[in-house]
Amino acid sequence: MDMNKMMKQMQEMQAQMVKAQEELANETVEASAGGGVVTVKATGALEIVEVKIAPEAIDPDDPDLLADMILAAVNEALRSAQGLAESKLGSAMGGLGGGLGLPGL
């Protein structure tokens, strides 16, 4: 086993991981709830960057419904962002899998 070759491969993999993480921070996913009255955008780095609420979603007599729609949209956006991260970081790892600090990887 050639240790120099292995070290070079590890350095290349690390560089690919850094590049993939930088790309993820710039990519966004969007999810909605309530037929699109609540939309949420998240980055591939699992950060919520935008929440939009249509005026018709704001019912002062039913604030719980709005809260539920926001939670549903946020959770779906985070699931989508995590899926994006897993696919991008997984390919950068060359199929080696875990140890990335992201749930599910």
N, C-alpha and C. Protein backbone atom coordinates (compact mmCIF):
# COMPACT_ATOMS: atom_id res chain seq x y z
N MET A 1 0.84 -1.18 0.00
CA MET A 1 0.00 0.00 0.00
C MET A 1 0.89 1.25 0.00
N ASP A 2 0.62 2.14 -0.92
CA ASP A 2 1.41 3.36 -1.08
C ASP A 2 0.79 4.48 -0.24
N MET A 3 1.47 4.82 0.86
CA MET A 3 0.95 5.86 1.77
C MET A 3 0.90 7.23 1.11
N ASN A 4 1.87 7.55 0.27
CA ASN A 4 1.86 8.85 -0.42
C ASN A 4 0.65 8.97 -1.33
N LYS A 5 0.33 7.90 -2.03
CA LYS A 5 -0.83 7.91 -2.92
C LYS A 5 -2.12 8.07 -2.11
N MET A 6 -2.20 7.37 -0.98
CA MET A 6 -3.37 7.46 -0.13
C MET A 6 -3.52 8.88 0.44
N MET A 7 -2.43 9.48 0.87
CA MET A 7 -2.48 10.84 1.40
C MET A 7 -2.94 11.82 0.33
N LYS A 8 -2.44 11.65 -0.89
CA LYS A 8 -2.84 12.52 -1.99
C LYS A 8 -4.34 12.37 -2.27
N GLN A 9 -4.84 11.16 -2.25
CA GLN A 9 -6.26 10.92 -2.47
C GLN A 9 -7.10 11.57 -1.37
N MET A 10 -6.65 11.49 -0.14
CA MET A 10 -7.37 12.11 0.97
C MET A 10 -7.39 13.63 0.83
N GLN A 11 -6.29 14.22 0.40
CA GLN A 11 -6.23 15.67 0.20
C GLN A 11 -7.16 16.09 -0.93
N GLU A 12 -7.21 15.30 -1.99
CA GLU A 12 -8.12 15.59 -3.09
C GLU A 12 -9.56 15.50 -2.64
N MET A 13 -9.87 14.49 -1.84
CA MET A 13 -11.22 14.32 -1.33
C MET A 13 -11.60 15.49 -0.42
N GLN A 14 -10.66 15.93 0.40
CA GLN A 14 -10.93 17.06 1.29
C GLN A 14 -11.20 18.32 0.47
N ALA A 15 -10.44 18.55 -0.59
CA ALA A 15 -10.65 19.71 -1.45
C ALA A 15 -12.02 19.63 -2.12
N GLN A 16 -12.44 18.44 -2.53
CA GLN A 16 -13.75 18.27 -3.14
C GLN A 16 -14.86 18.56 -2.13
N MET A 17 -14.64 18.15 -0.89
CA MET A 17 -15.63 18.40 0.16
C MET A 17 -15.78 19.89 0.42
N VAL A 18 -14.67 20.60 0.50
CA VAL A 18 -14.73 22.05 0.74
C VAL A 18 -15.47 22.72 -0.40
N LYS A 19 -15.17 22.33 -1.62
CA LYS A 19 -15.84 22.92 -2.79
C LYS A 19 -17.33 22.62 -2.76
N ALA A 20 -17.70 21.38 -2.45
CA ALA A 20 -19.11 21.00 -2.39
C ALA A 20 -19.84 21.79 -1.30
N GLN A 21 -19.22 21.99 -0.14
CA GLN A 21 -19.84 22.75 0.94
C GLN A 21 -20.03 24.20 0.54
N GLU A 22 -19.08 24.78 -0.17
CA GLU A 22 -19.21 26.16 -0.64
C GLU A 22 -20.36 26.27 -1.64
N GLU A 23 -20.46 25.29 -2.54
CA GLU A 23 -21.54 25.29 -3.52
C GLU A 23 -22.90 25.16 -2.83
N LEU A 24 -22.97 24.32 -1.82
CA LEU A 24 -24.23 24.12 -1.09
C LEU A 24 -24.72 25.41 -0.45
N ALA A 25 -23.82 26.20 0.05
CA ALA A 25 -24.21 27.45 0.71
C ALA A 25 -24.87 28.40 -0.28
N ASN A 26 -24.61 28.22 -1.58
CA ASN A 26 -25.16 29.10 -2.61
C ASN A 26 -26.38 28.52 -3.32
N GLU A 27 -26.72 27.27 -3.05
CA GLU A 27 -27.87 26.65 -3.67
C GLU A 27 -29.06 26.71 -2.72
N THR A 28 -30.25 26.90 -3.30
CA THR A 28 -31.45 26.96 -2.46
C THR A 28 -32.49 25.97 -2.94
N VAL A 29 -33.33 25.58 -2.02
CA VAL A 29 -34.51 24.77 -2.30
C VAL A 29 -35.70 25.54 -1.75
N GLU A 30 -36.87 25.22 -2.28
CA GLU A 30 -38.09 25.90 -1.84
C GLU A 30 -39.16 24.87 -1.55
N ALA A 31 -39.93 25.11 -0.51
CA ALA A 31 -41.05 24.25 -0.16
C ALA A 31 -42.24 25.13 0.21
N SER A 32 -43.43 24.57 0.06
CA SER A 32 -44.62 25.35 0.39
C SER A 32 -45.61 24.49 1.14
N ALA A 33 -46.58 25.16 1.74
CA ALA A 33 -47.66 24.49 2.47
C ALA A 33 -48.93 25.29 2.27
N GLY A 34 -50.05 24.64 2.54
CA GLY A 34 -51.33 25.33 2.42
C GLY A 34 -51.65 25.74 1.00
N GLY A 35 -51.26 24.91 0.06
CA GLY A 35 -51.53 25.24 -1.34
C GLY A 35 -50.70 26.39 -1.85
N GLY A 36 -49.58 26.63 -1.22
CA GLY A 36 -48.67 27.68 -1.67
C GLY A 36 -48.82 29.01 -0.95
N VAL A 37 -49.66 29.08 0.07
CA VAL A 37 -49.81 30.35 0.79
C VAL A 37 -48.65 30.63 1.72
N VAL A 38 -47.89 29.58 2.07
CA VAL A 38 -46.67 29.73 2.85
C VAL A 38 -45.54 29.07 2.07
N THR A 39 -44.49 29.83 1.78
CA THR A 39 -43.33 29.26 1.10
C THR A 39 -42.07 29.57 1.91
N VAL A 40 -41.14 28.62 1.88
CA VAL A 40 -39.90 28.74 2.63
C VAL A 40 -38.75 28.35 1.71
N LYS A 41 -37.68 29.14 1.75
CA LYS A 41 -36.47 28.82 1.02
C LYS A 41 -35.36 28.51 2.02
N ALA A 42 -34.56 27.48 1.68
CA ALA A 42 -33.43 27.10 2.53
C ALA A 42 -32.23 26.84 1.63
N THR A 43 -31.04 27.05 2.18
CA THR A 43 -29.83 26.75 1.43
C THR A 43 -29.48 25.28 1.61
N GLY A 44 -28.58 24.80 0.76
CA GLY A 44 -28.08 23.45 0.91
C GLY A 44 -27.27 23.28 2.18
N ALA A 45 -26.91 24.39 2.83
CA ALA A 45 -26.21 24.36 4.10
C ALA A 45 -27.20 24.32 5.28
N LEU A 46 -28.46 24.03 4.97
CA LEU A 46 -29.54 23.88 5.97
C LEU A 46 -29.85 25.17 6.71
N GLU A 47 -29.79 26.29 6.03
CA GLU A 47 -30.12 27.58 6.63
C GLU A 47 -31.37 28.13 5.95
N ILE A 48 -32.38 28.51 6.75
CA ILE A 48 -33.59 29.13 6.22
C ILE A 48 -33.24 30.56 5.83
N VAL A 49 -33.52 30.92 4.57
CA VAL A 49 -33.15 32.25 4.10
C VAL A 49 -34.36 33.11 3.74
N GLU A 50 -35.54 32.50 3.63
CA GLU A 50 -36.72 33.30 3.28
C GLU A 50 -37.99 32.57 3.68
N VAL A 51 -38.94 33.33 4.22
CA VAL A 51 -40.28 32.83 4.51
C VAL A 51 -41.25 33.84 3.93
N LYS A 52 -42.18 33.36 3.08
CA LYS A 52 -43.22 34.22 2.52
C LYS A 52 -44.58 33.70 2.95
N ILE A 53 -45.42 34.64 3.39
CA ILE A 53 -46.76 34.29 3.83
C ILE A 53 -47.73 35.17 3.04
N ALA A 54 -48.64 34.53 2.32
CA ALA A 54 -49.65 35.27 1.57
C ALA A 54 -50.63 35.90 2.55
N PRO A 55 -51.10 37.11 2.25
CA PRO A 55 -52.03 37.79 3.18
C PRO A 55 -53.26 36.94 3.53
N GLU A 56 -53.75 36.15 2.57
CA GLU A 56 -54.95 35.35 2.86
C GLU A 56 -54.70 34.24 3.87
N ALA A 57 -53.43 33.94 4.16
CA ALA A 57 -53.10 32.92 5.16
C ALA A 57 -53.21 33.45 6.57
N ILE A 58 -53.30 34.74 6.71
CA ILE A 58 -53.31 35.35 8.05
C ILE A 58 -54.76 35.52 8.52
N ASP A 59 -55.19 34.58 9.33
CA ASP A 59 -56.54 34.62 9.89
C ASP A 59 -56.40 34.85 11.39
N PRO A 60 -56.76 36.04 11.87
CA PRO A 60 -56.60 36.33 13.30
C PRO A 60 -57.41 35.39 14.21
N ASP A 61 -58.41 34.74 13.64
CA ASP A 61 -59.21 33.81 14.43
C ASP A 61 -58.61 32.41 14.47
N ASP A 62 -57.57 32.15 13.66
CA ASP A 62 -56.97 30.82 13.62
C ASP A 62 -55.45 30.89 13.44
N PRO A 63 -54.75 31.46 14.43
CA PRO A 63 -53.29 31.57 14.29
C PRO A 63 -52.59 30.21 14.28
N ASP A 64 -53.23 29.19 14.86
CA ASP A 64 -52.62 27.86 14.89
C ASP A 64 -52.49 27.26 13.50
N LEU A 65 -53.44 27.53 12.63
CA LEU A 65 -53.37 27.02 11.27
C LEU A 65 -52.15 27.61 10.55
N LEU A 66 -51.93 28.91 10.70
CA LEU A 66 -50.77 29.55 10.09
C LEU A 66 -49.47 28.97 10.65
N ALA A 67 -49.42 28.79 11.95
CA ALA A 67 -48.23 28.21 12.57
C ALA A 67 -47.97 26.81 12.03
N ASP A 68 -49.01 26.01 11.86
CA ASP A 68 -48.85 24.66 11.32
C ASP A 68 -48.34 24.69 9.89
N MET A 69 -48.85 25.62 9.09
CA MET A 69 -48.39 25.72 7.70
C MET A 69 -46.92 26.14 7.64
N ILE A 70 -46.54 27.06 8.51
CA ILE A 70 -45.14 27.50 8.54
C ILE A 70 -44.23 26.34 8.93
N LEU A 71 -44.61 25.61 9.97
CA LEU A 71 -43.82 24.45 10.39
C LEU A 71 -43.70 23.42 9.28
N ALA A 72 -44.80 23.15 8.60
CA ALA A 72 -44.78 22.16 7.52
C ALA A 72 -43.85 22.60 6.40
N ALA A 73 -43.92 23.87 6.02
CA ALA A 73 -43.07 24.37 4.93
C ALA A 73 -41.61 24.39 5.34
N VAL A 74 -41.32 24.79 6.57
CA VAL A 74 -39.92 24.81 7.05
C VAL A 74 -39.35 23.40 7.09
N ASN A 75 -40.11 22.46 7.64
CA ASN A 75 -39.62 21.09 7.72
C ASN A 75 -39.39 20.49 6.34
N GLU A 76 -40.29 20.76 5.40
CA GLU A 76 -40.11 20.23 4.05
C GLU A 76 -38.90 20.88 3.37
N ALA A 77 -38.71 22.18 3.57
CA ALA A 77 -37.54 22.86 2.99
C ALA A 77 -36.25 22.28 3.56
N LEU A 78 -36.23 22.02 4.86
CA LEU A 78 -35.03 21.43 5.47
C LEU A 78 -34.77 20.01 4.97
N ARG A 79 -35.85 19.23 4.78
CA ARG A 79 -35.67 17.88 4.23
C ARG A 79 -35.10 17.96 2.81
N SER A 80 -35.61 18.87 2.02
CA SER A 80 -35.11 19.04 0.65
C SER A 80 -33.66 19.50 0.65
N ALA A 81 -33.34 20.44 1.53
CA ALA A 81 -31.96 20.94 1.62
C ALA A 81 -31.02 19.83 2.08
N GLN A 82 -31.47 19.01 3.01
CA GLN A 82 -30.64 17.91 3.48
C GLN A 82 -30.42 16.89 2.36
N GLY A 83 -31.46 16.62 1.58
CA GLY A 83 -31.32 15.71 0.45
C GLY A 83 -30.31 16.25 -0.56
N LEU A 84 -30.37 17.55 -0.81
CA LEU A 84 -29.41 18.18 -1.71
C LEU A 84 -27.99 18.04 -1.15
N ALA A 85 -27.84 18.30 0.14
CA ALA A 85 -26.52 18.20 0.77
C ALA A 85 -26.00 16.76 0.71
N GLU A 86 -26.87 15.81 0.99
CA GLU A 86 -26.44 14.41 0.96
C GLU A 86 -25.98 14.00 -0.42
N SER A 87 -26.71 14.44 -1.45
CA SER A 87 -26.32 14.04 -2.80
C SER A 87 -25.01 14.71 -3.21
N LYS A 88 -24.86 15.99 -2.90
CA LYS A 88 -23.66 16.71 -3.31
C LYS A 88 -22.44 16.27 -2.50
N LEU A 89 -22.59 16.16 -1.19
CA LEU A 89 -21.46 15.76 -0.35
C LEU A 89 -21.16 14.28 -0.50
N GLY A 90 -22.19 13.48 -0.72
CA GLY A 90 -21.97 12.05 -0.94
C GLY A 90 -21.16 11.80 -2.20
N SER A 91 -21.44 12.56 -3.26
CA SER A 91 -20.67 12.37 -4.48
C SER A 91 -19.25 12.89 -4.31
N ALA A 92 -19.07 13.92 -3.49
CA ALA A 92 -17.71 14.43 -3.24
C ALA A 92 -16.91 13.42 -2.43
N MET A 93 -17.59 12.62 -1.61
CA MET A 93 -16.91 11.62 -0.80
C MET A 93 -16.63 10.35 -1.59
N GLY A 94 -17.13 10.28 -2.81
CA GLY A 94 -16.89 9.10 -3.60
C GLY A 94 -17.58 7.86 -3.03
N GLY A 95 -18.74 8.09 -2.36
CA GLY A 95 -19.48 6.98 -1.82
C GLY A 95 -18.97 6.46 -0.49
N LEU A 96 -18.07 7.19 0.17
CA LEU A 96 -17.55 6.71 1.45
C LEU A 96 -18.53 6.90 2.59
N GLY A 97 -19.52 7.81 2.43
CA GLY A 97 -20.56 7.92 3.43
C GLY A 97 -20.22 8.82 4.59
N GLY A 98 -20.58 8.35 5.81
CA GLY A 98 -20.66 9.11 7.05
C GLY A 98 -19.48 9.97 7.46
N GLY A 99 -19.66 10.54 8.65
CA GLY A 99 -18.62 11.36 9.24
C GLY A 99 -18.66 12.81 8.81
N LEU A 100 -19.77 13.25 8.18
CA LEU A 100 -19.83 14.62 7.69
C LEU A 100 -20.51 15.56 8.68
N GLY A 101 -21.07 15.01 9.73
CA GLY A 101 -21.73 15.85 10.71
C GLY A 101 -23.15 16.22 10.30
N LEU A 102 -23.67 15.65 9.22
CA LEU A 102 -25.05 15.90 8.81
C LEU A 102 -25.88 14.69 9.16
N PRO A 103 -27.03 14.91 9.78
CA PRO A 103 -27.89 13.77 10.11
C PRO A 103 -28.23 13.00 8.84
N GLY A 104 -28.20 11.71 8.93
CA GLY A 104 -28.57 10.88 7.80
C GLY A 104 -27.43 10.56 6.85
N LEU A 105 -26.27 11.15 7.05
CA LEU A 105 -25.14 10.85 6.16
C LEU A 105 -24.26 9.81 6.77
